[in-house]
Amino acid sequence: MTQPNPSLLRRFWASYIRQHTWGILLCLLLMIVEGSALGGLSYLLKPLFDVVFTPGGEAALYGVGFAIFGLFAARAFTVVVSRTLIWSISQRVAAAMQSDLLRHILTLDAPFFQINPPGVLIERVQGDTGAVQGIWSALVTGIGRDLLGLVTLLAVAISIDLRWTLAALIGAPLLILPAAILQRYVRRKSNELRDQAGQRATRLDEIFHGINAVKLNRMEDYQTGRFRSVLKTIRRAEVRSVFARSLMPGMIDLVTGLGFFAVLLMAGDEISSGQRTTGDFMSFFTAMSLTFQPLRRLGEMSGTWQVASASLERIYALLDARPATPRPSTSATLPAPGAPEIRFDNVSFAHGDQPVLHALSFTAEAGKTTALVGASGAGKSTVFHLLTGLLEPASGEIWLGGVAASTLSLADQRALFATVTQDSALFDETLVENIALGRELNADALEAALRAAHVADFLAAMARGLQTPVGPRGSALSGGQRQRVAIARALVQDAPVLLLDEATSALDAQSEAIVAEALALGSQGRTTLVIAHRLATVRGADKIVVMDHGRVAETGTHDQLLAQGGLYAGLYRLQFKD
């Protein structure tokens, strides 16, 4: 049987199974009783036919009858308890794996998510853990019930007649080579299925998240056709995998039939001549017949094992993924309390082979508002991602309050920033949950943030107030309302830096004026960095840094830059030429 890397099995055992050792041992004990009951039943058929069903056998009827009833009663009890216990443990293991996978995925950097779409990651967390969950519980069941049942049944058969037993197993060697070939085939198909399942989840994720674009561009048939193509590939791979996994129990059936035919040829003459009794044959026949189901289940388990092995390797490949530039888990030094100075010192960055920033250097003074402007592609959003640790510089250093960002943990670095972006993500939760984001909020601070962000202006119109669900991605709110909720979220964080990335670019004039007022209030007492394309939103900034192709082209106030007649003045005339 092909096995995954032994080190992965050890990690899996140590991380998820060891803590349930006593529960698993109890399951094994119960399943041993369940499996052994089959051997006991086949053994009791000999006295049933040779003693009870003969003249004068009435005296043994109750003894044999109660023994058979006791076997079935014990089996019924162990079935209920063992199934419930093993299912409970398997659910706990699956939940722990899914939780660990999600927690680890959330520690990875932006480049990881650029090459791993959401659907693929969803399939890793759900599909692969489900496959692993199935195999280890099947393994416990196979060892405790099927394997022990098979051993006891064969022991009964051997005790009756060794020659009959060998004849029944005459075709077993014929299974070795086909089984090895089938296992490799199933393993390969399992990998294909997991990949295709990830594509299916990705396709659905893109369709539902882009539902408006699908409808507006009349893409319903096109997207359905693409999804149908993925389903067709999955269906073919699934059918072939099931076919291969079914061949093993099918071949076991053929070998079993061949063995029974050989036994009948041997036993027929011996019974008719009186050398063996009918009870001998019925006990042997029942024992060998009852081996049929555990043998089939053990054969099917080899295919299930291949599926789980592939999933286990994929799970640990994901758990072993690390950020390209790891950060320390704890910060060596923290910036001093208060609004910090932000300084870029010869920072360069590239997306693959495409340079984005070229030795970028500028300073955002503590407690003041600095704006970054420039044409699309100038590198403004990359600055946002670098500041918040979503990306790491290829060279150079970012200084936050005199402390190098590379020496800070990501948690400490991000705690310095309250952010508002163009498309502020809202979750399908209540208003207050979208503002708090899991933090405990002071009632007075929350009320102040609601007023400052003008959330209170529309809150009164909502019947459930702060407990109003905002819908998927905030779809129950208007664009201006979503931005005001995002600003309230930033204000309650009380972070020393306010980082705004095109925070008003998608709003109408009225909403923009309200949001701009809220942002002005929120920037008081903080270092504020505004990343903007629309120059009207940055005219009041203390300093404007003009970027061009990843470099600083100009620096100054609005009036100074207009007087210089350079790049900023050209952009300003272009936007306000009317």
Protein backbone atom coordinates (compact mmCIF):
# COMPACT_ATOMS: atom_id res chain seq x y z
CA MET A 1 0.00 0.00 0.00
CA THR A 2 1.44 3.37 -1.02
CA GLN A 3 1.88 5.60 2.02
CA PRO A 4 2.46 9.32 2.49
CA ASN A 5 5.67 10.62 3.97
CA PRO A 6 6.07 8.93 7.40
CA SER A 7 7.01 12.28 8.94
CA LEU A 8 3.60 13.64 7.89
CA LEU A 9 1.89 10.73 9.59
CA ARG A 10 3.86 11.39 12.76
CA ARG A 11 2.95 15.08 12.65
CA PHE A 12 -0.69 14.22 12.08
CA TRP A 13 -0.67 11.81 15.01
CA ALA A 14 1.11 14.23 17.34
CA SER A 15 -1.01 17.24 16.41
CA TYR A 16 -4.51 15.82 16.16
CA ILE A 17 -4.84 12.17 17.20
CA ARG A 18 -2.69 11.69 20.31
CA GLN A 19 -4.95 13.81 22.50
CA HIS A 20 -7.84 11.42 21.74
CA THR A 21 -5.83 8.25 22.50
CA TRP A 22 -8.08 6.99 25.30
CA GLY A 23 -11.23 7.57 23.30
CA ILE A 24 -9.75 5.74 20.32
CA LEU A 25 -8.64 2.83 22.51
CA LEU A 26 -12.17 2.56 23.88
CA CYS A 27 -13.50 2.55 20.30
CA LEU A 28 -11.03 -0.19 19.39
CA LEU A 29 -12.13 -2.27 22.38
CA LEU A 30 -15.79 -1.92 21.49
CA MET A 31 -15.11 -2.73 17.85
CA ILE A 32 -13.10 -5.79 18.84
CA VAL A 33 -16.19 -7.04 20.66
CA GLU A 34 -18.29 -6.23 17.59
CA GLY A 35 -15.91 -8.00 15.21
CA SER A 36 -15.42 -11.01 17.47
CA ALA A 37 -19.18 -11.54 17.68
CA LEU A 38 -19.16 -12.72 14.07
CA GLY A 39 -16.64 -15.44 14.88
CA GLY A 40 -18.64 -16.47 17.91
CA LEU A 41 -21.83 -16.69 15.85
CA SER A 42 -20.23 -18.92 13.21
CA TYR A 43 -18.74 -21.11 15.93
CA LEU A 44 -22.15 -21.61 17.61
CA LEU A 45 -23.68 -22.90 14.39
CA LYS A 46 -21.85 -26.24 14.81
CA PRO A 47 -23.63 -27.18 18.09
CA LEU A 48 -26.84 -25.68 16.69
CA PHE A 49 -26.87 -28.13 13.77
CA ASP A 50 -25.08 -31.09 15.36
CA VAL A 51 -26.73 -30.99 18.82
CA VAL A 52 -29.84 -28.80 18.97
CA PHE A 53 -31.26 -29.88 15.62
CA THR A 54 -30.89 -33.58 16.42
CA PRO A 55 -33.19 -35.94 18.38
CA GLY A 56 -32.84 -35.19 22.10
CA GLY A 57 -31.21 -31.84 21.55
CA GLU A 58 -33.93 -29.83 23.28
CA ALA A 59 -31.83 -29.58 26.46
CA ALA A 60 -29.16 -27.56 24.65
CA LEU A 61 -31.65 -25.26 22.90
CA TYR A 62 -31.82 -22.57 25.57
CA GLY A 63 -28.09 -22.53 26.20
CA VAL A 64 -27.19 -22.11 22.52
CA GLY A 65 -30.12 -19.74 21.95
CA PHE A 66 -29.20 -17.43 24.82
CA ALA A 67 -25.56 -17.48 23.71
CA ILE A 68 -26.55 -16.37 20.20
CA PHE A 69 -28.88 -13.69 21.62
CA GLY A 70 -26.09 -12.46 23.90
CA LEU A 71 -23.78 -12.08 20.92
CA PHE A 72 -26.31 -9.96 19.03
CA ALA A 73 -27.08 -7.84 22.13
CA ALA A 74 -23.38 -7.16 22.73
CA ARG A 75 -22.92 -6.30 19.07
CA ALA A 76 -25.88 -3.88 19.15
CA PHE A 77 -24.48 -2.07 22.21
CA THR A 78 -20.97 -1.77 20.80
CA VAL A 79 -22.24 -0.56 17.42
CA VAL A 80 -24.17 2.36 18.95
CA VAL A 81 -21.48 3.46 21.39
CA SER A 82 -18.47 3.00 19.11
CA ARG A 83 -20.09 4.76 16.12
CA THR A 84 -21.13 7.73 18.23
CA LEU A 85 -17.74 8.02 19.92
CA ILE A 86 -15.67 7.69 16.74
CA TRP A 87 -17.86 10.23 14.94
CA SER A 88 -17.48 12.69 17.81
CA ILE A 89 -13.69 12.32 17.80
CA SER A 90 -13.48 12.59 14.00
CA GLN A 91 -15.51 15.82 14.05
CA ARG A 92 -13.19 17.29 16.68
CA VAL A 93 -10.13 16.33 14.64
CA ALA A 94 -11.60 17.84 11.47
CA ALA A 95 -12.56 21.05 13.27
CA ALA A 96 -9.07 21.38 14.76
CA MET A 97 -7.44 20.84 11.35
CA GLN A 98 -9.70 23.38 9.67
CA SER A 99 -9.09 25.93 12.42
CA ASP A 100 -5.31 25.44 12.25
CA LEU A 101 -5.32 25.72 8.46
CA LEU A 102 -7.29 28.96 8.52
CA ARG A 103 -5.13 30.45 11.27
CA HIS A 104 -1.97 29.57 9.31
CA ILE A 105 -3.33 30.83 5.99
CA LEU A 106 -4.10 34.18 7.62
CA THR A 107 -0.41 34.55 8.57
CA LEU A 108 0.78 34.33 4.95
CA ASP A 109 1.70 37.35 2.88
CA ALA A 110 0.04 38.98 -0.12
CA PRO A 111 2.07 37.13 -2.82
CA PHE A 112 0.67 33.83 -1.51
CA PHE A 113 -2.90 35.02 -2.09
CA GLN A 114 -2.01 36.30 -5.55
CA ILE A 115 -1.25 32.75 -6.72
CA ASN A 116 -3.79 30.86 -4.58
CA PRO A 117 -7.38 31.89 -5.35
CA PRO A 118 -10.02 31.75 -2.61
CA GLY A 119 -11.74 28.69 -4.07
CA VAL A 120 -8.56 26.62 -3.91
CA LEU A 121 -7.99 27.61 -0.28
CA ILE A 122 -11.61 26.85 0.62
CA GLU A 123 -11.21 23.38 -0.87
CA ARG A 124 -8.02 22.85 1.15
CA VAL A 125 -9.76 23.77 4.38
CA GLN A 126 -12.95 21.82 3.69
CA GLY A 127 -12.35 19.09 1.11
CA ASP A 128 -8.88 17.88 2.06
CA THR A 129 -9.57 17.81 5.79
CA GLY A 130 -12.78 15.89 5.10
CA ALA A 131 -10.85 13.23 3.18
CA VAL A 132 -8.31 12.86 5.99
CA GLN A 133 -11.07 12.78 8.59
CA GLY A 134 -12.69 9.88 6.73
CA ILE A 135 -9.59 7.71 6.46
CA TRP A 136 -8.39 7.78 10.05
CA SER A 137 -11.84 6.92 11.41
CA ALA A 138 -12.11 4.20 8.74
CA LEU A 139 -8.67 2.97 9.81
CA VAL A 140 -9.77 2.65 13.44
CA THR A 141 -12.92 0.85 12.32
CA GLY A 142 -10.96 -1.39 9.98
CA ILE A 143 -8.45 -2.43 12.65
CA GLY A 144 -10.91 -2.75 15.51
CA ARG A 145 -13.84 -4.34 13.74
CA ASP A 146 -13.04 -5.66 10.29
CA LEU A 147 -9.51 -6.93 10.83
CA LEU A 148 -10.31 -8.57 14.19
CA GLY A 149 -13.55 -9.94 12.78
CA LEU A 150 -11.65 -11.38 9.84
CA VAL A 151 -9.08 -12.98 12.14
CA THR A 152 -11.69 -14.59 14.40
CA LEU A 153 -13.69 -15.87 11.44
CA LEU A 154 -10.59 -17.38 9.84
CA ALA A 155 -9.67 -18.91 13.20
CA VAL A 156 -13.06 -20.60 13.35
CA ALA A 157 -12.67 -21.83 9.76
CA ILE A 158 -9.15 -23.18 10.43
CA SER A 159 -10.33 -24.91 13.60
CA ILE A 160 -12.90 -26.80 11.56
CA ASP A 161 -10.69 -27.76 8.61
CA LEU A 162 -7.37 -26.28 7.53
CA ARG A 163 -7.62 -27.81 4.07
CA TRP A 164 -11.01 -26.24 3.43
CA THR A 165 -9.64 -22.87 4.55
CA LEU A 166 -6.64 -23.06 2.21
CA ALA A 167 -8.94 -24.05 -0.64
CA ALA A 168 -11.18 -21.03 0.09
CA LEU A 169 -8.16 -18.72 -0.09
CA ILE A 170 -6.68 -20.27 -3.22
CA GLY A 171 -7.22 -17.17 -5.33
CA ALA A 172 -5.88 -14.61 -2.83
CA PRO A 173 -2.36 -14.33 -4.40
CA LEU A 174 -4.00 -13.24 -7.64
CA LEU A 175 -4.96 -9.93 -5.98
CA ILE A 176 -1.46 -8.66 -5.19
CA LEU A 177 -0.42 -7.15 -8.53
CA PRO A 178 -3.84 -5.70 -9.49
CA ALA A 179 -4.14 -4.13 -6.03
CA ALA A 180 -0.79 -2.34 -6.39
CA ILE A 181 -1.73 -1.00 -9.84
CA LEU A 182 -5.14 0.17 -8.66
CA GLN A 183 -3.70 2.01 -5.65
CA ARG A 184 -1.36 4.05 -7.83
CA TYR A 185 -4.18 4.86 -10.22
CA VAL A 186 -6.54 5.92 -7.42
CA ARG A 187 -3.80 8.12 -5.89
CA ARG A 188 -3.30 9.91 -9.20
CA LYS A 189 -7.02 10.44 -9.73
CA SER A 190 -7.40 11.70 -6.17
CA ASN A 191 -4.87 14.46 -6.81
CA GLU A 192 -6.71 15.41 -10.00
CA LEU A 193 -10.03 15.53 -8.18
CA ARG A 194 -8.71 17.80 -5.44
CA ASP A 195 -7.30 20.20 -8.05
CA GLN A 196 -10.53 20.23 -9.99
CA ALA A 197 -12.56 20.71 -6.81
CA GLY A 198 -10.45 23.79 -6.08
CA GLN A 199 -11.20 25.14 -9.57
CA ARG A 200 -14.91 24.53 -9.03
CA ALA A 201 -14.88 26.49 -5.76
CA THR A 202 -12.84 29.26 -7.40
CA ARG A 203 -15.28 29.54 -10.29
CA LEU A 204 -18.25 29.82 -7.93
CA ASP A 205 -16.42 32.37 -5.77
CA GLU A 206 -15.70 34.58 -8.79
CA ILE A 207 -19.24 34.30 -10.15
CA PHE A 208 -20.98 35.19 -6.89
CA HIS A 209 -18.58 37.98 -6.00
CA GLY A 210 -18.89 39.43 -9.49
CA ILE A 211 -22.62 38.84 -9.83
CA ASN A 212 -23.37 42.42 -10.89
CA ALA A 213 -20.79 42.29 -13.68
CA VAL A 214 -22.19 38.93 -14.79
CA LYS A 215 -25.70 40.32 -15.05
CA LEU A 216 -24.79 43.68 -16.57
CA ASN A 217 -22.72 42.03 -19.29
CA ARG A 218 -25.25 39.24 -19.91
CA MET A 219 -22.66 36.58 -19.03
CA GLU A 220 -25.06 34.09 -17.46
CA ASP A 221 -24.76 31.52 -20.25
CA TYR A 222 -21.01 32.07 -20.61
CA GLN A 223 -20.29 31.57 -16.91
CA THR A 224 -22.66 28.60 -16.72
CA GLY A 225 -20.85 27.02 -19.65
CA ARG A 226 -17.45 27.46 -18.01
CA PHE A 227 -18.75 26.01 -14.77
CA ARG A 228 -20.32 23.09 -16.64
CA SER A 229 -16.94 22.36 -18.24
CA VAL A 230 -15.29 22.12 -14.79
CA LEU A 231 -18.10 19.85 -13.58
CA LYS A 232 -17.65 17.61 -16.61
CA THR A 233 -13.97 17.16 -15.82
CA ILE A 234 -14.76 16.41 -12.17
CA ARG A 235 -17.46 13.93 -13.12
CA ARG A 236 -15.13 12.00 -15.41
CA ALA A 237 -12.34 11.87 -12.84
CA GLU A 238 -14.77 10.89 -10.08
CA VAL A 239 -16.30 8.07 -12.13
CA ARG A 240 -12.88 6.69 -13.03
CA SER A 241 -11.74 6.91 -9.42
CA VAL A 242 -14.87 5.14 -8.13
CA PHE A 243 -14.50 2.51 -10.85
CA ALA A 244 -10.91 1.80 -9.80
CA ARG A 245 -11.82 1.75 -6.10
CA SER A 246 -14.71 -0.62 -6.81
CA LEU A 247 -12.51 -3.05 -8.73
CA MET A 248 -10.78 -4.19 -5.55
CA PRO A 249 -13.91 -5.44 -3.74
CA GLY A 250 -15.14 -6.77 -7.08
CA MET A 251 -12.00 -8.86 -7.47
CA ILE A 252 -12.38 -10.03 -3.88
CA ASP A 253 -15.88 -11.26 -4.77
CA LEU A 254 -14.50 -13.27 -7.70
CA VAL A 255 -11.72 -14.79 -5.61
CA THR A 256 -14.21 -15.60 -2.84
CA GLY A 257 -16.52 -17.32 -5.32
CA LEU A 258 -13.60 -19.35 -6.68
CA GLY A 259 -12.66 -20.37 -3.13
CA PHE A 260 -16.19 -21.45 -2.25
CA PHE A 261 -16.40 -23.54 -5.40
CA ALA A 262 -13.16 -25.31 -4.43
CA VAL A 263 -14.48 -25.94 -0.89
CA LEU A 264 -17.73 -27.40 -2.21
CA LEU A 265 -15.80 -29.85 -4.36
CA MET A 266 -13.83 -31.03 -1.33
CA ALA A 267 -16.58 -30.94 1.30
CA GLY A 268 -19.33 -32.56 -0.75
CA ASP A 269 -17.75 -36.01 -0.78
CA GLU A 270 -16.59 -35.82 2.85
CA ILE A 271 -20.05 -34.91 4.17
CA SER A 272 -21.91 -37.45 2.04
CA SER A 273 -19.48 -40.17 3.19
CA GLY A 274 -19.96 -39.21 6.84
CA GLN A 275 -16.37 -38.04 7.42
CA ARG A 276 -17.64 -34.53 8.34
CA THR A 277 -20.99 -33.38 9.75
CA THR A 278 -23.50 -30.88 8.42
CA GLY A 279 -22.70 -28.72 11.45
CA ASP A 280 -19.04 -28.64 10.43
CA PHE A 281 -19.91 -27.41 6.98
CA MET A 282 -22.52 -24.85 8.12
CA SER A 283 -20.14 -23.42 10.71
CA PHE A 284 -17.33 -23.25 8.16
CA PHE A 285 -19.58 -21.91 5.41
CA THR A 286 -20.97 -19.19 7.71
CA ALA A 287 -17.52 -18.20 8.92
CA MET A 288 -16.19 -17.86 5.37
CA SER A 289 -19.38 -16.10 4.22
CA LEU A 290 -19.11 -13.59 7.04
CA THR A 291 -15.50 -12.81 6.02
CA PHE A 292 -16.96 -11.45 2.81
CA GLN A 293 -18.08 -8.04 4.18
CA PRO A 294 -15.01 -7.20 6.33
CA LEU A 295 -12.77 -8.33 3.48
CA ARG A 296 -14.60 -6.07 1.05
CA ARG A 297 -14.45 -3.13 3.45
CA LEU A 298 -10.72 -3.63 3.97
CA GLY A 299 -10.30 -3.75 0.19
CA GLU A 300 -12.26 -0.52 -0.25
CA MET A 301 -10.21 1.09 2.51
CA SER A 302 -7.07 0.82 0.38
CA GLY A 303 -8.66 3.17 -2.15
CA THR A 304 -9.87 5.52 0.58
CA TRP A 305 -6.35 5.50 2.00
CA GLN A 306 -4.93 6.75 -1.30
CA VAL A 307 -7.43 9.63 -1.36
CA ALA A 308 -6.54 10.59 2.21
CA SER A 309 -2.80 10.27 1.57
CA ALA A 310 -3.00 12.77 -1.28
CA SER A 311 -5.04 15.17 0.86
CA LEU A 312 -2.70 14.84 3.83
CA GLU A 313 0.28 15.78 1.69
CA ARG A 314 -1.57 18.82 0.35
CA ILE A 315 -2.61 19.91 3.85
CA TYR A 316 0.93 19.81 5.19
CA ALA A 317 2.31 21.46 2.06
CA LEU A 318 0.01 24.37 2.92
CA LEU A 319 0.89 24.31 6.62
CA ASP A 320 4.59 24.41 5.69
CA ALA A 321 4.16 27.49 3.48
CA ARG A 322 5.88 30.53 4.92
CA PRO A 323 5.96 34.24 4.04
CA ALA A 324 8.70 35.11 1.58
CA THR A 325 10.16 37.57 4.12
CA PRO A 326 9.32 36.35 7.64
CA ARG A 327 8.91 38.82 10.48
CA PRO A 328 9.92 38.39 14.14
CA SER A 329 7.15 37.08 16.38
CA THR A 330 7.89 39.84 18.92
CA SER A 331 9.19 43.36 18.34
CA ALA A 332 12.67 44.28 19.52
CA THR A 333 11.62 47.90 20.20
CA LEU A 334 8.32 49.73 19.88
CA PRO A 335 7.87 53.32 18.67
CA ALA A 336 7.30 55.87 21.41
CA PRO A 337 3.65 56.65 22.22
CA GLY A 338 2.03 59.38 20.17
CA ALA A 339 1.91 60.27 16.50
CA PRO A 340 5.06 58.88 14.84
CA GLU A 341 7.15 60.14 11.98
CA ILE A 342 7.04 57.89 8.90
CA ARG A 343 10.12 57.70 6.70
CA PHE A 344 10.86 55.73 3.57
CA ASP A 345 14.61 55.28 3.11
CA ASN A 346 15.61 54.12 -0.40
CA VAL A 347 12.79 51.57 -0.54
CA SER A 348 12.58 49.44 -3.69
CA PHE A 349 9.98 46.86 -4.60
CA ALA A 350 9.05 44.73 -7.62
CA HIS A 351 6.17 42.46 -8.55
CA GLY A 352 8.10 39.54 -9.98
CA ASP A 353 10.31 41.01 -12.71
CA GLN A 354 8.31 44.23 -12.89
CA PRO A 355 9.87 47.06 -10.81
CA VAL A 356 7.35 49.22 -8.96
CA LEU A 357 9.35 51.40 -6.53
CA HIS A 358 12.88 52.66 -7.23
CA ALA A 359 14.83 53.74 -4.11
CA LEU A 360 11.81 55.67 -2.85
CA SER A 361 12.57 58.17 -0.07
CA PHE A 362 10.22 60.61 1.64
CA THR A 363 9.16 61.65 5.14
CA ALA A 364 5.71 62.13 6.62
CA GLU A 365 6.14 64.42 9.63
CA ALA A 366 4.67 63.39 12.97
CA GLY A 367 1.18 64.74 13.64
CA LYS A 368 0.81 66.24 10.18
CA THR A 369 -1.02 65.26 6.98
CA THR A 370 1.07 64.06 4.07
CA ALA A 371 -0.49 63.22 0.71
CA LEU A 372 0.84 60.87 -1.95
CA VAL A 373 -0.41 61.67 -5.44
CA GLY A 374 0.45 60.64 -8.96
CA ALA A 375 -0.89 58.97 -12.05
CA SER A 376 -2.13 55.38 -12.01
CA GLY A 377 0.80 52.99 -11.74
CA ALA A 378 3.00 55.47 -9.88
CA GLY A 379 3.26 53.09 -6.90
CA LYS A 380 0.93 54.77 -4.40
CA SER A 381 -1.00 51.66 -3.42
CA THR A 382 2.26 49.73 -3.10
CA VAL A 383 3.29 52.25 -0.44
CA PHE A 384 0.06 51.45 1.41
CA HIS A 385 0.77 47.72 1.26
CA LEU A 386 4.36 48.19 2.44
CA LEU A 387 3.34 50.38 5.35
CA THR A 388 0.82 47.84 6.60
CA GLY A 389 3.08 44.82 6.11
CA LEU A 390 1.03 43.27 3.33
CA LEU A 391 4.18 43.44 1.20
CA GLU A 392 7.86 43.55 2.17
CA PRO A 393 10.50 45.86 0.57
CA ALA A 394 13.07 44.23 -1.70
CA SER A 395 15.62 46.72 -0.34
CA GLY A 396 15.73 49.83 1.81
CA GLU A 397 13.93 50.41 5.10
CA ILE A 398 10.71 51.93 6.40
CA TRP A 399 11.05 53.79 9.70
CA LEU A 400 8.03 54.22 11.99
CA GLY A 401 8.64 56.54 14.90
CA GLY A 402 12.39 55.95 14.57
CA VAL A 403 12.02 52.14 14.63
CA ALA A 404 12.77 50.00 11.59
CA ALA A 405 9.57 48.28 10.42
CA SER A 406 11.52 45.09 9.67
CA THR A 407 12.23 44.69 13.40
CA LEU A 408 8.54 44.93 14.35
CA SER A 409 6.13 42.03 14.48
CA LEU A 410 3.33 42.37 11.95
CA ALA A 411 0.80 42.69 14.77
CA ASP A 412 2.69 45.61 16.33
CA GLN A 413 3.23 47.29 12.96
CA ARG A 414 -0.41 47.06 11.97
CA ALA A 415 -1.53 48.28 15.40
CA LEU A 416 0.00 51.65 14.47
CA PHE A 417 -2.42 52.16 11.58
CA ALA A 418 -6.11 52.88 11.32
CA THR A 419 -6.96 52.42 7.65
CA VAL A 420 -9.76 53.50 5.34
CA THR A 421 -9.60 52.28 1.74
CA GLN A 422 -11.60 52.90 -1.41
CA ASP A 423 -13.42 49.58 -1.04
CA SER A 424 -13.62 49.10 2.70
CA ALA A 425 -14.54 45.48 3.32
CA LEU A 426 -17.66 44.96 5.43
CA PHE A 427 -18.61 41.52 6.67
CA ASP A 428 -22.04 39.92 6.64
CA GLU A 429 -22.59 40.85 10.27
CA THR A 430 -24.21 43.68 12.23
CA LEU A 431 -23.15 47.32 12.13
CA VAL A 432 -21.59 47.20 15.57
CA GLU A 433 -19.69 43.99 14.76
CA ASN A 434 -18.29 45.63 11.61
CA ILE A 435 -17.09 48.57 13.67
CA ALA A 436 -15.73 46.61 16.64
CA LEU A 437 -14.10 43.80 14.60
CA GLY A 438 -13.96 41.55 17.65
CA ARG A 439 -12.65 44.20 20.06
CA GLU A 440 -14.28 45.27 23.30
CA LEU A 441 -15.46 48.86 22.81
CA ASN A 442 -16.00 51.57 25.38
CA ALA A 443 -19.56 52.87 25.03
CA ASP A 444 -18.47 56.54 25.11
CA ALA A 445 -15.70 55.95 22.53
CA LEU A 446 -18.14 54.13 20.26
CA GLU A 447 -20.68 56.95 20.52
CA ALA A 448 -18.02 59.54 19.74
CA ALA A 449 -16.83 57.57 16.71
CA LEU A 450 -20.39 57.21 15.42
CA ARG A 451 -20.92 60.96 15.63
CA ALA A 452 -17.55 61.88 14.15
CA ALA A 453 -17.99 59.46 11.23
CA HIS A 454 -21.59 60.61 10.65
CA VAL A 455 -22.88 57.08 11.13
CA ALA A 456 -25.34 58.50 13.64
CA ASP A 457 -26.94 60.45 10.75
CA PHE A 458 -28.44 57.31 9.20
CA LEU A 459 -28.47 55.04 12.25
CA ALA A 460 -31.75 56.43 13.56
CA ALA A 461 -33.54 55.32 10.37
CA MET A 462 -32.60 51.68 10.99
CA ALA A 463 -35.13 49.78 13.06
CA ARG A 464 -32.53 47.58 14.72
CA GLY A 465 -29.93 50.31 15.13
CA LEU A 466 -26.40 49.01 15.62
CA GLN A 467 -27.73 45.44 15.47
CA THR A 468 -28.79 45.91 11.84
CA PRO A 469 -27.15 43.33 9.50
CA VAL A 470 -25.22 45.05 6.71
CA GLY A 471 -25.60 42.14 4.24
CA PRO A 472 -22.90 40.35 2.21
CA ARG A 473 -20.02 42.79 1.67
CA GLY A 474 -22.17 45.58 3.11
CA SER A 475 -24.72 45.32 0.28
CA ALA A 476 -27.55 46.60 2.52
CA LEU A 477 -25.81 50.00 2.80
CA SER A 478 -25.06 52.69 0.25
CA GLY A 479 -21.49 53.47 -0.78
CA GLY A 480 -21.37 56.55 1.43
CA GLN A 481 -22.78 54.65 4.39
CA ARG A 482 -20.20 51.87 3.97
CA GLN A 483 -17.38 54.42 3.98
CA ARG A 484 -18.73 56.09 7.10
CA VAL A 485 -18.87 52.71 8.86
CA ALA A 486 -15.27 52.11 7.78
CA ILE A 487 -14.25 55.51 9.19
CA ALA A 488 -16.01 54.76 12.49
CA ARG A 489 -14.08 51.48 12.57
CA ALA A 490 -10.82 53.42 12.10
CA LEU A 491 -11.66 56.03 14.73
CA VAL A 492 -12.45 53.55 17.51
CA GLN A 493 -9.03 51.91 17.01
CA ASP A 494 -7.32 55.02 18.36
CA ALA A 495 -4.19 54.21 16.33
CA PRO A 496 -1.51 56.92 16.05
CA VAL A 497 -1.49 56.86 12.23
CA LEU A 498 -4.48 57.37 9.95
CA LEU A 499 -3.85 55.81 6.54
CA LEU A 500 -6.29 56.71 3.78
CA ASP A 501 -6.13 55.00 0.38
CA GLU A 502 -8.52 56.62 -2.13
CA ALA A 503 -11.05 56.81 0.70
CA THR A 504 -13.50 59.10 -1.16
CA SER A 505 -12.83 58.38 -4.82
CA ALA A 506 -15.93 56.21 -5.34
CA LEU A 507 -18.40 58.60 -3.67
CA ASP A 508 -20.76 61.23 -5.01
CA ALA A 509 -20.15 64.88 -4.14
CA GLN A 510 -22.54 64.97 -1.17
CA SER A 511 -21.22 61.74 0.37
CA GLU A 512 -17.64 62.83 -0.32
CA ALA A 513 -18.18 66.08 1.60
CA ILE A 514 -19.58 64.21 4.62
CA VAL A 515 -16.80 61.61 4.56
CA ALA A 516 -14.12 64.28 4.11
CA GLU A 517 -15.41 66.12 7.19
CA ALA A 518 -15.32 62.88 9.19
CA LEU A 519 -11.76 62.19 8.04
CA ALA A 520 -10.65 65.69 9.00
CA LEU A 521 -11.94 65.12 12.52
CA GLY A 522 -10.32 61.70 12.65
CA SER A 523 -6.90 63.01 11.60
CA GLN A 524 -6.59 65.36 14.57
CA GLY A 525 -3.70 64.32 16.81
CA ARG A 526 -2.49 61.68 14.37
CA THR A 527 0.04 61.33 11.62
CA THR A 528 -2.11 61.13 8.52
CA LEU A 529 -1.01 59.73 5.19
CA VAL A 530 -3.44 60.25 2.32
CA ILE A 531 -3.03 58.25 -0.89
CA ALA A 532 -5.15 59.89 -3.56
CA HIS A 533 -5.62 60.21 -7.29
CA ARG A 534 -8.08 63.10 -7.10
CA LEU A 535 -6.11 66.21 -6.22
CA ALA A 536 -9.15 68.06 -4.87
CA THR A 537 -8.99 65.87 -1.76
CA VAL A 538 -5.39 66.77 -0.83
CA ARG A 539 -5.17 70.54 -1.34
CA GLY A 540 -5.19 71.12 2.42
CA ALA A 541 -2.40 68.63 3.18
CA ASP A 542 0.67 69.90 5.05
CA LYS A 543 2.85 68.24 2.43
CA ILE A 544 2.21 66.63 -0.93
CA VAL A 545 4.58 64.02 -2.34
CA VAL A 546 4.21 63.59 -6.10
CA MET A 547 5.16 60.12 -7.33
CA ASP A 548 6.06 59.15 -10.87
CA HIS A 549 6.98 55.58 -11.89
CA GLY A 550 7.96 54.58 -8.36
CA ARG A 551 10.06 57.67 -7.59
CA VAL A 552 9.49 61.00 -5.84
CA ALA A 553 9.14 63.61 -8.54
CA GLU A 554 8.15 66.66 -6.46
CA THR A 555 7.48 67.64 -2.86
CA GLY A 556 5.74 70.68 -1.41
CA THR A 557 2.41 72.23 -0.49
CA HIS A 558 -0.40 72.63 -2.98
CA ASP A 559 0.46 76.25 -3.71
CA GLN A 560 4.20 75.56 -3.96
CA LEU A 561 3.71 72.72 -6.42
CA LEU A 562 1.36 74.77 -8.58
CA ALA A 563 3.91 77.57 -8.65
CA GLN A 564 6.65 75.17 -9.77
CA GLY A 565 4.64 74.32 -12.87
CA GLY A 566 5.86 70.73 -12.87
CA LEU A 567 4.17 67.36 -12.84
CA TYR A 568 1.69 68.24 -10.09
CA ALA A 569 0.63 71.40 -11.87
CA GLY A 570 0.10 69.40 -15.07
CA LEU A 571 -2.04 66.83 -13.24
CA TYR A 572 -4.01 69.62 -11.58
CA ARG A 573 -4.72 71.39 -14.88
CA LEU A 574 -5.75 68.05 -16.43
CA GLN A 575 -8.26 67.34 -13.66
CA PHE A 576 -9.62 70.90 -13.45
CA LYS A 577 -9.31 72.02 -17.07
CA ASP A 578 -13.00 73.04 -17.12
